[in-house]
Amino acid sequence: MLAVVERLFPDILNGIKTSTIRWREQHIVPGRLTFFNEADPHKTIDVEVIRCTEMPLSQAALFVGRAEEWPDAVMLEGMQEHYPEIQLSSVVQIVEFAPLPSF
């Protein structure tokens, strides 16, 4: 299971958010994974992790196609909200996923 901040959880549920950037957390591998809402752990969604890639944070925005909206300063500030010690040179894990159908 992997925690997601409450403000991002709806985007995962709606299929808008299809990747997450993690630093110094559990190592994720392709396969089934359950996300849970940090604010309400009973809210969960199962996803299929498609690919996991490690790279410096400075390359992550370009990798996920968000370089224009996440220039280095914006990316760093946003990531430091979750990981205060992270730097642009820090190696992060980018986890790409797709929601699994619920029955």
PDB file of N, CA and C in Angstrom:
ATOM      1  N   MET A   1       0.852  -1.184   0.000  1.00  0.00           N
ATOM      2  CA  MET A   1       0.000   0.000   0.000  1.00  0.00           C
ATOM      3  C   MET A   1       0.891   1.238   0.000  1.00  0.00           C
ATOM      4  N   LEU A   2       0.377   2.286  -0.635  1.00  0.00           N
ATOM      5  CA  LEU A   2       1.136   3.520  -0.766  1.00  0.00           C
ATOM      6  C   LEU A   2       0.211   4.705  -0.488  1.00  0.00           C
ATOM      7  N   ALA A   3       0.637   5.591   0.392  1.00  0.00           N
ATOM      8  CA  ALA A   3      -0.162   6.760   0.768  1.00  0.00           C
ATOM      9  C   ALA A   3      -0.112   7.831  -0.311  1.00  0.00           C
ATOM     10  N   VAL A   4      -1.245   8.517  -0.480  1.00  0.00           N
ATOM     11  CA  VAL A   4      -1.360   9.652  -1.399  1.00  0.00           C
ATOM     12  C   VAL A   4      -2.028  10.790  -0.634  1.00  0.00           C
ATOM     13  N   VAL A   5      -1.512  12.008  -0.798  1.00  0.00           N
ATOM     14  CA  VAL A   5      -2.135  13.146  -0.124  1.00  0.00           C
ATOM     15  C   VAL A   5      -3.556  13.337  -0.637  1.00  0.00           C
ATOM     16  N   GLU A   6      -4.399  13.829   0.243  1.00  0.00           N
ATOM     17  CA  GLU A   6      -5.831  13.933  -0.061  1.00  0.00           C
ATOM     18  C   GLU A   6      -6.121  14.750  -1.319  1.00  0.00           C
ATOM     19  N   ARG A   7      -5.395  15.851  -1.525  1.00  0.00           N
ATOM     20  CA  ARG A   7      -5.693  16.722  -2.675  1.00  0.00           C
ATOM     21  C   ARG A   7      -5.426  16.039  -4.020  1.00  0.00           C
ATOM     22  N   LEU A   8      -4.559  15.024  -4.049  1.00  0.00           N
ATOM     23  CA  LEU A   8      -4.247  14.332  -5.304  1.00  0.00           C
ATOM     24  C   LEU A   8      -5.077  13.068  -5.520  1.00  0.00           C
ATOM     25  N   PHE A   9      -5.698  12.577  -4.462  1.00  0.00           N
ATOM     26  CA  PHE A   9      -6.423  11.311  -4.556  1.00  0.00           C
ATOM     27  C   PHE A   9      -7.538  11.331  -5.606  1.00  0.00           C
ATOM     28  N   PRO A  10      -8.364  12.388  -5.695  1.00  0.00           N
ATOM     29  CA  PRO A  10      -9.414  12.396  -6.728  1.00  0.00           C
ATOM     30  C   PRO A  10      -8.859  12.270  -8.150  1.00  0.00           C
ATOM     31  N   ASP A  11      -7.693  12.856  -8.410  1.00  0.00           N
ATOM     32  CA  ASP A  11      -7.110  12.755  -9.751  1.00  0.00           C
ATOM     33  C   ASP A  11      -6.689  11.326 -10.083  1.00  0.00           C
ATOM     34  N   ILE A  12      -6.307  10.565  -9.079  1.00  0.00           N
ATOM     35  CA  ILE A  12      -6.009   9.149  -9.310  1.00  0.00           C
ATOM     36  C   ILE A  12      -7.308   8.402  -9.591  1.00  0.00           C
ATOM     37  N   LEU A  13      -8.335   8.673  -8.798  1.00  0.00           N
ATOM     38  CA  LEU A  13      -9.631   8.018  -8.997  1.00  0.00           C
ATOM     39  C   LEU A  13     -10.192   8.295 -10.390  1.00  0.00           C
ATOM     40  N   ASN A  14      -9.986   9.521 -10.894  1.00  0.00           N
ATOM     41  CA  ASN A  14     -10.521   9.918 -12.200  1.00  0.00           C
ATOM     42  C   ASN A  14      -9.611   9.552 -13.364  1.00  0.00           C
ATOM     43  N   GLY A  15      -8.460   8.961 -13.076  1.00  0.00           N
ATOM     44  CA  GLY A  15      -7.530   8.577 -14.141  1.00  0.00           C
ATOM     45  C   GLY A  15      -6.728   9.725 -14.715  1.00  0.00           C
ATOM     46  N   ILE A  16      -6.773  10.892 -14.069  1.00  0.00           N
ATOM     47  CA  ILE A  16      -6.023  12.060 -14.528  1.00  0.00           C
ATOM     48  C   ILE A  16      -4.557  11.943 -14.121  1.00  0.00           C
ATOM     49  N   LYS A  17      -4.330  11.520 -12.893  1.00  0.00           N
ATOM     50  CA  LYS A  17      -2.965  11.348 -12.378  1.00  0.00           C
ATOM     51  C   LYS A  17      -2.544   9.908 -12.636  1.00  0.00           C
ATOM     52  N   THR A  18      -1.480   9.746 -13.423  1.00  0.00           N
ATOM     53  CA  THR A  18      -1.034   8.402 -13.801  1.00  0.00           C
ATOM     54  C   THR A  18       0.433   8.147 -13.444  1.00  0.00           C
ATOM     55  N   SER A  19       0.992   9.043 -12.639  1.00  0.00           N
ATOM     56  CA  SER A  19       2.359   8.817 -12.164  1.00  0.00           C
ATOM     57  C   SER A  19       2.527   9.504 -10.814  1.00  0.00           C
ATOM     58  N   THR A  20       3.518   9.039 -10.088  1.00  0.00           N
ATOM     59  CA  THR A  20       3.868   9.642  -8.814  1.00  0.00           C
ATOM     60  C   THR A  20       5.378   9.615  -8.675  1.00  0.00           C
ATOM     61  N   ILE A  21       5.912  10.622  -8.032  1.00  0.00           N
ATOM     62  CA  ILE A  21       7.357  10.722  -7.833  1.00  0.00           C
ATOM     63  C   ILE A  21       7.625  10.499  -6.355  1.00  0.00           C
ATOM     64  N   ARG A  22       8.477   9.529  -6.062  1.00  0.00           N
ATOM     65  CA  ARG A  22       8.768   9.159  -4.678  1.00  0.00           C
ATOM     66  C   ARG A  22      10.262   9.248  -4.394  1.00  0.00           C
ATOM     67  N   TRP A  23      10.582   9.609  -3.159  1.00  0.00           N
ATOM     68  CA  TRP A  23      11.983   9.724  -2.734  1.00  0.00           C
ATOM     69  C   TRP A  23      12.146   9.090  -1.367  1.00  0.00           C
ATOM     70  N   ARG A  24      13.091   8.189  -1.279  1.00  0.00           N
ATOM     71  CA  ARG A  24      13.421   7.521  -0.023  1.00  0.00           C
ATOM     72  C   ARG A  24      12.217   6.859   0.638  1.00  0.00           C
ATOM     73  N   GLU A  25      11.361   6.280  -0.186  1.00  0.00           N
ATOM     74  CA  GLU A  25      10.224   5.513   0.317  1.00  0.00           C
ATOM     75  C   GLU A  25      10.421   4.068  -0.117  1.00  0.00           C
ATOM     76  N   GLN A  26       9.422   3.257   0.135  1.00  0.00           N
ATOM     77  CA  GLN A  26       9.513   1.863  -0.281  1.00  0.00           C
ATOM     78  C   GLN A  26       9.769   1.777  -1.783  1.00  0.00           C
ATOM     79  N   HIS A  27      10.555   0.793  -2.186  1.00  0.00           N
ATOM     80  CA  HIS A  27      10.852   0.603  -3.600  1.00  0.00           C
ATOM     81  C   HIS A  27       9.643  -0.069  -4.252  1.00  0.00           C
ATOM     82  N   ILE A  28       9.090   0.570  -5.268  1.00  0.00           N
ATOM     83  CA  ILE A  28       7.909   0.067  -5.968  1.00  0.00           C
ATOM     84  C   ILE A  28       8.375  -0.715  -7.194  1.00  0.00           C
ATOM     85  N   VAL A  29       7.654  -1.780  -7.515  1.00  0.00           N
ATOM     86  CA  VAL A  29       7.941  -2.580  -8.710  1.00  0.00           C
ATOM     87  C   VAL A  29       6.647  -2.723  -9.514  1.00  0.00           C
ATOM     88  N   PRO A  30       6.764  -2.996 -10.826  1.00  0.00           N
ATOM     89  CA  PRO A  30       5.556  -3.195 -11.634  1.00  0.00           C
ATOM     90  C   PRO A  30       4.670  -4.302 -11.063  1.00  0.00           C
ATOM     91  N   GLY A  31       3.367  -4.103 -11.227  1.00  0.00           N
ATOM     92  CA  GLY A  31       2.375  -5.043 -10.709  1.00  0.00           C
ATOM     93  C   GLY A  31       1.267  -4.292 -10.000  1.00  0.00           C
ATOM     94  N   ARG A  32       0.458  -5.014  -9.294  1.00  0.00           N
ATOM     95  CA  ARG A  32      -0.687  -4.432  -8.600  1.00  0.00           C
ATOM     96  C   ARG A  32      -0.232  -3.685  -7.344  1.00  0.00           C
ATOM     97  N   LEU A  33      -0.854  -2.524  -7.110  1.00  0.00           N
ATOM     98  CA  LEU A  33      -0.541  -1.704  -5.944  1.00  0.00           C
ATOM     99  C   LEU A  33      -1.822  -1.013  -5.492  1.00  0.00           C
ATOM    100  N   THR A  34      -1.986  -0.862  -4.199  1.00  0.00           N
ATOM    101  CA  THR A  34      -3.129  -0.147  -3.649  1.00  0.00           C
ATOM    102  C   THR A  34      -2.665   1.194  -3.102  1.00  0.00           C
ATOM    103  N   PHE A  35      -3.292   2.266  -3.577  1.00  0.00           N
ATOM    104  CA  PHE A  35      -3.084   3.602  -3.022  1.00  0.00           C
ATOM    105  C   PHE A  35      -4.163   3.831  -1.965  1.00  0.00           C
ATOM    106  N   PHE A  36      -3.798   4.560  -0.912  1.00  0.00           N
ATOM    107  CA  PHE A  36      -4.815   4.968   0.054  1.00  0.00           C
ATOM    108  C   PHE A  36      -4.677   6.456   0.325  1.00  0.00           C
ATOM    109  N   ASN A  37      -5.809   7.063   0.637  1.00  0.00           N
ATOM    110  CA  ASN A  37      -5.884   8.490   0.939  1.00  0.00           C
ATOM    111  C   ASN A  37      -5.328   8.711   2.345  1.00  0.00           C
ATOM    112  N   GLU A  38      -4.279   9.537   2.463  1.00  0.00           N
ATOM    113  CA  GLU A  38      -3.671   9.807   3.774  1.00  0.00           C
ATOM    114  C   GLU A  38      -4.678  10.326   4.787  1.00  0.00           C
ATOM    115  N   ALA A  39      -5.604  11.149   4.348  1.00  0.00           N
ATOM    116  CA  ALA A  39      -6.577  11.749   5.256  1.00  0.00           C
ATOM    117  C   ALA A  39      -7.675  10.767   5.670  1.00  0.00           C
ATOM    118  N   ASP A  40      -7.949   9.784   4.831  1.00  0.00           N
ATOM    119  CA  ASP A  40      -8.971   8.784   5.118  1.00  0.00           C
ATOM    120  C   ASP A  40      -8.500   7.447   4.557  1.00  0.00           C
ATOM    121  N   PRO A  41      -7.726   6.684   5.339  1.00  0.00           N
ATOM    122  CA  PRO A  41      -7.145   5.430   4.850  1.00  0.00           C
ATOM    123  C   PRO A  41      -8.146   4.391   4.366  1.00  0.00           C
ATOM    124  N   HIS A  42      -9.431   4.593   4.645  1.00  0.00           N
ATOM    125  CA  HIS A  42     -10.442   3.661   4.132  1.00  0.00           C
ATOM    126  C   HIS A  42     -10.719   3.881   2.648  1.00  0.00           C
ATOM    127  N   LYS A  43     -10.329   5.046   2.133  1.00  0.00           N
ATOM    128  CA  LYS A  43     -10.478   5.335   0.708  1.00  0.00           C
ATOM    129  C   LYS A  43      -9.253   4.797  -0.012  1.00  0.00           C
ATOM    130  N   THR A  44      -9.485   3.821  -0.875  1.00  0.00           N
ATOM    131  CA  THR A  44      -8.375   3.184  -1.583  1.00  0.00           C
ATOM    132  C   THR A  44      -8.707   3.020  -3.062  1.00  0.00           C
ATOM    133  N   ILE A  45      -7.668   2.796  -3.848  1.00  0.00           N
ATOM    134  CA  ILE A  45      -7.839   2.435  -5.253  1.00  0.00           C
ATOM    135  C   ILE A  45      -6.694   1.507  -5.640  1.00  0.00           C
ATOM    136  N   ASP A  46      -7.040   0.467  -6.359  1.00  0.00           N
ATOM    137  CA  ASP A  46      -6.037  -0.451  -6.868  1.00  0.00           C
ATOM    138  C   ASP A  46      -5.594   0.018  -8.241  1.00  0.00           C
ATOM    139  N   VAL A  47      -4.291  -0.036  -8.470  1.00  0.00           N
ATOM    140  CA  VAL A  47      -3.725   0.359  -9.758  1.00  0.00           C
ATOM    141  C   VAL A  47      -2.778  -0.734 -10.238  1.00  0.00           C
ATOM    142  N   GLU A  48      -2.477  -0.690 -11.517  1.00  0.00           N
ATOM    143  CA  GLU A  48      -1.457  -1.542 -12.104  1.00  0.00           C
ATOM    144  C   GLU A  48      -0.243  -0.667 -12.365  1.00  0.00           C
ATOM    145  N   VAL A  49       0.840  -0.941 -11.657  1.00  0.00           N
ATOM    146  CA  VAL A  49       2.082  -0.210 -11.892  1.00  0.00           C
ATOM    147  C   VAL A  49       2.686  -0.741 -13.184  1.00  0.00           C
ATOM    148  N   ILE A  50       2.862   0.149 -14.136  1.00  0.00           N
ATOM    149  CA  ILE A  50       3.331  -0.214 -15.465  1.00  0.00           C
ATOM    150  C   ILE A  50       4.847  -0.147 -15.568  1.00  0.00           C
ATOM    151  N   ARG A  51       5.412   0.913 -14.996  1.00  0.00           N
ATOM    152  CA  ARG A  51       6.856   1.125 -15.121  1.00  0.00           C
ATOM    153  C   ARG A  51       7.344   1.942 -13.937  1.00  0.00           C
ATOM    154  N   CYS A  52       8.565   1.633 -13.488  1.00  0.00           N
ATOM    155  CA  CYS A  52       9.237   2.366 -12.425  1.00  0.00           C
ATOM    156  C   CYS A  52      10.611   2.774 -12.941  1.00  0.00           C
ATOM    157  N   THR A  53      10.903   4.057 -12.842  1.00  0.00           N
ATOM    158  CA  THR A  53      12.146   4.594 -13.390  1.00  0.00           C
ATOM    159  C   THR A  53      12.808   5.470 -12.348  1.00  0.00           C
ATOM    160  N   GLU A  54      14.116   5.314 -12.207  1.00  0.00           N
ATOM    161  CA  GLU A  54      14.860   6.158 -11.271  1.00  0.00           C
ATOM    162  C   GLU A  54      15.695   7.159 -12.057  1.00  0.00           C
ATOM    163  N   MET A  55      15.710   8.404 -11.553  1.00  0.00           N
ATOM    164  CA  MET A  55      16.475   9.479 -12.191  1.00  0.00           C
ATOM    165  C   MET A  55      16.577  10.649 -11.230  1.00  0.00           C
ATOM    166  N   PRO A  56      17.481  11.591 -11.499  1.00  0.00           N
ATOM    167  CA  PRO A  56      17.528  12.800 -10.669  1.00  0.00           C
ATOM    168  C   PRO A  56      16.219  13.583 -10.778  1.00  0.00           C
ATOM    169  N   LEU A  57      15.819  14.196  -9.696  1.00  0.00           N
ATOM    170  CA  LEU A  57      14.598  15.000  -9.682  1.00  0.00           C
ATOM    171  C   LEU A  57      14.615  16.039 -10.800  1.00  0.00           C
ATOM    172  N   SER A  58      15.774  16.568 -11.126  1.00  0.00           N
ATOM    173  CA  SER A  58      15.881  17.600 -12.166  1.00  0.00           C
ATOM    174  C   SER A  58      15.401  17.119 -13.534  1.00  0.00           C
ATOM    175  N   GLN A  59      15.325  15.817 -13.751  1.00  0.00           N
ATOM    176  CA  GLN A  59      14.882  15.268 -15.041  1.00  0.00           C
ATOM    177  C   GLN A  59      13.437  14.765 -15.011  1.00  0.00           C
ATOM    178  N   ALA A  60      12.838  14.725 -13.842  1.00  0.00           N
ATOM    179  CA  ALA A  60      11.529  14.090 -13.676  1.00  0.00           C
ATOM    180  C   ALA A  60      10.400  14.811 -14.406  1.00  0.00           C
ATOM    181  N   ALA A  61      10.357  16.130 -14.367  1.00  0.00           N
ATOM    182  CA  ALA A  61       9.262  16.860 -15.015  1.00  0.00           C
ATOM    183  C   ALA A  61       9.250  16.607 -16.517  1.00  0.00           C
ATOM    184  N   LEU A  62      10.403  16.625 -17.137  1.00  0.00           N
ATOM    185  CA  LEU A  62      10.480  16.343 -18.567  1.00  0.00           C
ATOM    186  C   LEU A  62      10.037  14.913 -18.845  1.00  0.00           C
ATOM    187  N   PHE A  63      10.453  13.973 -18.016  1.00  0.00           N
ATOM    188  CA  PHE A  63      10.126  12.563 -18.196  1.00  0.00           C
ATOM    189  C   PHE A  63       8.616  12.337 -18.183  1.00  0.00           C
ATOM    190  N   VAL A  64       7.900  13.018 -17.290  1.00  0.00           N
ATOM    191  CA  VAL A  64       6.442  12.824 -17.195  1.00  0.00           C
ATOM    192  C   VAL A  64       5.658  13.820 -18.057  1.00  0.00           C
ATOM    193  N   GLY A  65       6.360  14.587 -18.888  1.00  0.00           N
ATOM    194  CA  GLY A  65       5.687  15.494 -19.809  1.00  0.00           C
ATOM    195  C   GLY A  65       5.132  16.756 -19.176  1.00  0.00           C
ATOM    196  N   ARG A  66       5.745  17.227 -18.088  1.00  0.00           N
ATOM    197  CA  ARG A  66       5.226  18.404 -17.398  1.00  0.00           C
ATOM    198  C   ARG A  66       6.285  19.483 -17.223  1.00  0.00           C
ATOM    199  N   ALA A  67       7.310  19.471 -18.071  1.00  0.00           N
ATOM    200  CA  ALA A  67       8.438  20.401 -17.930  1.00  0.00           C
ATOM    201  C   ALA A  67       8.001  21.866 -17.987  1.00  0.00           C
ATOM    202  N   GLU A  68       7.026  22.188 -18.831  1.00  0.00           N
ATOM    203  CA  GLU A  68       6.588  23.586 -18.962  1.00  0.00           C
ATOM    204  C   GLU A  68       5.936  24.099 -17.681  1.00  0.00           C
ATOM    205  N   GLU A  69       5.121  23.272 -17.055  1.00  0.00           N
ATOM    206  CA  GLU A  69       4.429  23.722 -15.844  1.00  0.00           C
ATOM    207  C   GLU A  69       5.229  23.472 -14.569  1.00  0.00           C
ATOM    208  N   TRP A  70       6.257  22.632 -14.649  1.00  0.00           N
ATOM    209  CA  TRP A  70       7.093  22.348 -13.489  1.00  0.00           C
ATOM    210  C   TRP A  70       8.557  22.681 -13.762  1.00  0.00           C
ATOM    211  N   PRO A  71       8.912  23.961 -13.968  1.00  0.00           N
ATOM    212  CA  PRO A  71      10.341  24.295 -14.065  1.00  0.00           C
ATOM    213  C   PRO A  71      11.027  23.891 -12.753  1.00  0.00           C
ATOM    214  N   ASP A  72      12.341  23.854 -12.779  1.00  0.00           N
ATOM    215  CA  ASP A  72      13.087  23.338 -11.628  1.00  0.00           C
ATOM    216  C   ASP A  72      12.652  23.938 -10.294  1.00  0.00           C
ATOM    217  N   ALA A  73      12.501  25.235 -10.219  1.00  0.00           N
ATOM    218  CA  ALA A  73      12.150  25.880  -8.947  1.00  0.00           C
ATOM    219  C   ALA A  73      10.774  25.428  -8.451  1.00  0.00           C
ATOM    220  N   VAL A  74       9.822  25.300  -9.360  1.00  0.00           N
ATOM    221  CA  VAL A  74       8.467  24.859  -8.992  1.00  0.00           C
ATOM    222  C   VAL A  74       8.495  23.395  -8.554  1.00  0.00           C
ATOM    223  N   MET A  75       9.210  22.571  -9.317  1.00  0.00           N
ATOM    224  CA  MET A  75       9.320  21.149  -8.982  1.00  0.00           C
ATOM    225  C   MET A  75       9.939  20.985  -7.600  1.00  0.00           C
ATOM    226  N   LEU A  76      11.037  21.687  -7.352  1.00  0.00           N
ATOM    227  CA  LEU A  76      11.728  21.548  -6.076  1.00  0.00           C
ATOM    228  C   LEU A  76      10.847  22.005  -4.916  1.00  0.00           C
ATOM    229  N   GLU A  77      10.205  23.143  -5.079  1.00  0.00           N
ATOM    230  CA  GLU A  77       9.329  23.647  -4.010  1.00  0.00           C
ATOM    231  C   GLU A  77       8.196  22.663  -3.713  1.00  0.00           C
ATOM    232  N   GLY A  78       7.579  22.141  -4.753  1.00  0.00           N
ATOM    233  CA  GLY A  78       6.487  21.188  -4.563  1.00  0.00           C
ATOM    234  C   GLY A  78       6.939  19.906  -3.885  1.00  0.00           C
ATOM    235  N   MET A  79       8.078  19.392  -4.299  1.00  0.00           N
ATOM    236  CA  MET A  79       8.578  18.149  -3.709  1.00  0.00           C
ATOM    237  C   MET A  79       9.057  18.365  -2.272  1.00  0.00           C
ATOM    238  N   GLN A  80       9.576  19.555  -1.970  1.00  0.00           N
ATOM    239  CA  GLN A  80      10.036  19.830  -0.609  1.00  0.00           C
ATOM    240  C   GLN A  80       8.880  19.943   0.381  1.00  0.00           C
ATOM    241  N   GLU A  81       7.658  20.117  -0.095  1.00  0.00           N
ATOM    242  CA  GLU A  81       6.495  20.067   0.794  1.00  0.00           C
ATOM    243  C   GLU A  81       6.380  18.680   1.413  1.00  0.00           C
ATOM    244  N   HIS A  82       6.726  17.656   0.643  1.00  0.00           N
ATOM    245  CA  HIS A  82       6.626  16.273   1.104  1.00  0.00           C
ATOM    246  C   HIS A  82       7.952  15.751   1.645  1.00  0.00           C
ATOM    247  N   TYR A  83       9.034  16.197   1.042  1.00  0.00           N
ATOM    248  CA  TYR A  83      10.377  15.723   1.381  1.00  0.00           C
ATOM    249  C   TYR A  83      11.280  16.947   1.575  1.00  0.00           C
ATOM    250  N   PRO A  84      11.307  17.542   2.768  1.00  0.00           N
ATOM    251  CA  PRO A  84      12.032  18.803   2.983  1.00  0.00           C
ATOM    252  C   PRO A  84      13.506  18.779   2.580  1.00  0.00           C
ATOM    253  N   GLU A  85      14.161  17.641   2.629  1.00  0.00           N
ATOM    254  CA  GLU A  85      15.589  17.577   2.342  1.00  0.00           C
ATOM    255  C   GLU A  85      15.913  17.287   0.873  1.00  0.00           C
ATOM    256  N   ILE A  86      14.916  17.043   0.048  1.00  0.00           N
ATOM    257  CA  ILE A  86      15.168  16.671  -1.344  1.00  0.00           C
ATOM    258  C   ILE A  86      15.818  17.828  -2.105  1.00  0.00           C
ATOM    259  N   GLN A  87      16.673  17.488  -3.051  1.00  0.00           N
ATOM    260  CA  GLN A  87      17.341  18.461  -3.913  1.00  0.00           C
ATOM    261  C   GLN A  87      17.127  18.052  -5.369  1.00  0.00           C
ATOM    262  N   LEU A  88      17.400  18.937  -6.299  1.00  0.00           N
ATOM    263  CA  LEU A  88      17.243  18.604  -7.722  1.00  0.00           C
ATOM    264  C   LEU A  88      18.154  17.453  -8.125  1.00  0.00           C
ATOM    265  N   SER A  89      19.255  17.263  -7.426  1.00  0.00           N
ATOM    266  CA  SER A  89      20.176  16.166  -7.733  1.00  0.00           C
ATOM    267  C   SER A  89      19.761  14.838  -7.090  1.00  0.00           C
ATOM    268  N   SER A  90      18.757  14.860  -6.221  1.00  0.00           N
ATOM    269  CA  SER A  90      18.307  13.639  -5.547  1.00  0.00           C
ATOM    270  C   SER A  90      17.700  12.670  -6.548  1.00  0.00           C
ATOM    271  N   VAL A  91      18.054  11.404  -6.414  1.00  0.00           N
ATOM    272  CA  VAL A  91      17.495  10.380  -7.299  1.00  0.00           C
ATOM    273  C   VAL A  91      16.133   9.967  -6.761  1.00  0.00           C
ATOM    274  N   VAL A  92      15.123  10.095  -7.612  1.00  0.00           N
ATOM    275  CA  VAL A  92      13.748   9.767  -7.252  1.00  0.00           C
ATOM    276  C   VAL A  92      13.287   8.557  -8.051  1.00  0.00           C
ATOM    277  N   GLN A  93      12.192   7.971  -7.612  1.00  0.00           N
ATOM    278  CA  GLN A  93      11.568   6.892  -8.364  1.00  0.00           C
ATOM    279  C   GLN A  93      10.261   7.430  -8.946  1.00  0.00           C
ATOM    280  N   ILE A  94      10.139   7.331 -10.257  1.00  0.00           N
ATOM    281  CA  ILE A  94       8.897   7.720 -10.923  1.00  0.00           C
ATOM    282  C   ILE A  94       8.108   6.445 -11.170  1.00  0.00           C
ATOM    283  N   VAL A  95       6.901   6.413 -10.621  1.00  0.00           N
ATOM    284  CA  VAL A  95       6.039   5.244 -10.705  1.00  0.00           C
ATOM    285  C   VAL A  95       4.887   5.592 -11.635  1.00  0.00           C
ATOM    286  N   GLU A  96       4.800   4.895 -12.763  1.00  0.00           N
ATOM    287  CA  GLU A  96       3.709   5.110 -13.724  1.00  0.00           C
ATOM    288  C   GLU A  96       2.690   3.997 -13.550  1.00  0.00           C
ATOM    289  N   PHE A  97       1.415   4.362 -13.563  1.00  0.00           N
ATOM    290  CA  PHE A  97       0.361   3.397 -13.244  1.00  0.00           C
ATOM    291  C   PHE A  97      -0.926   3.681 -13.988  1.00  0.00           C
ATOM    292  N   ALA A  98      -1.809   2.709 -13.985  1.00  0.00           N
ATOM    293  CA  ALA A  98      -3.151   2.853 -14.557  1.00  0.00           C
ATOM    294  C   ALA A  98      -4.143   2.265 -13.540  1.00  0.00           C
ATOM    295  N   PRO A  99      -5.286   2.926 -13.347  1.00  0.00           N
ATOM    296  CA  PRO A  99      -6.283   2.379 -12.415  1.00  0.00           C
ATOM    297  C   PRO A  99      -6.784   1.028 -12.914  1.00  0.00           C
ATOM    298  N   LEU A 100      -7.042   0.132 -11.978  1.00  0.00           N
ATOM    299  CA  LEU A 100      -7.655  -1.150 -12.321  1.00  0.00           C
ATOM    300  C   LEU A 100      -9.168  -0.988 -12.238  1.00  0.00           C
ATOM    301  N   PRO A 101      -9.897  -1.665 -13.090  1.00  0.00           N
ATOM    302  CA  PRO A 101     -11.359  -1.563 -13.014  1.00  0.00           C
ATOM    303  C   PRO A 101     -11.857  -2.110 -11.677  1.00  0.00           C
ATOM    304  N   SER A 102     -12.854  -1.443 -11.126  1.00  0.00           N
ATOM    305  CA  SER A 102     -13.465  -1.943  -9.887  1.00  0.00           C
ATOM    306  C   SER A 102     -14.752  -2.684 -10.233  1.00  0.00           C
ATOM    307  N   PHE A 103     -15.005  -3.736  -9.522  1.00  0.00           N
ATOM    308  CA  PHE A 103     -16.190  -4.565  -9.812  1.00  0.00           C
ATOM    309  C   PHE A 103     -17.152  -4.522  -8.669  1.00  0.00           C
TER     310      PHE A 103
END
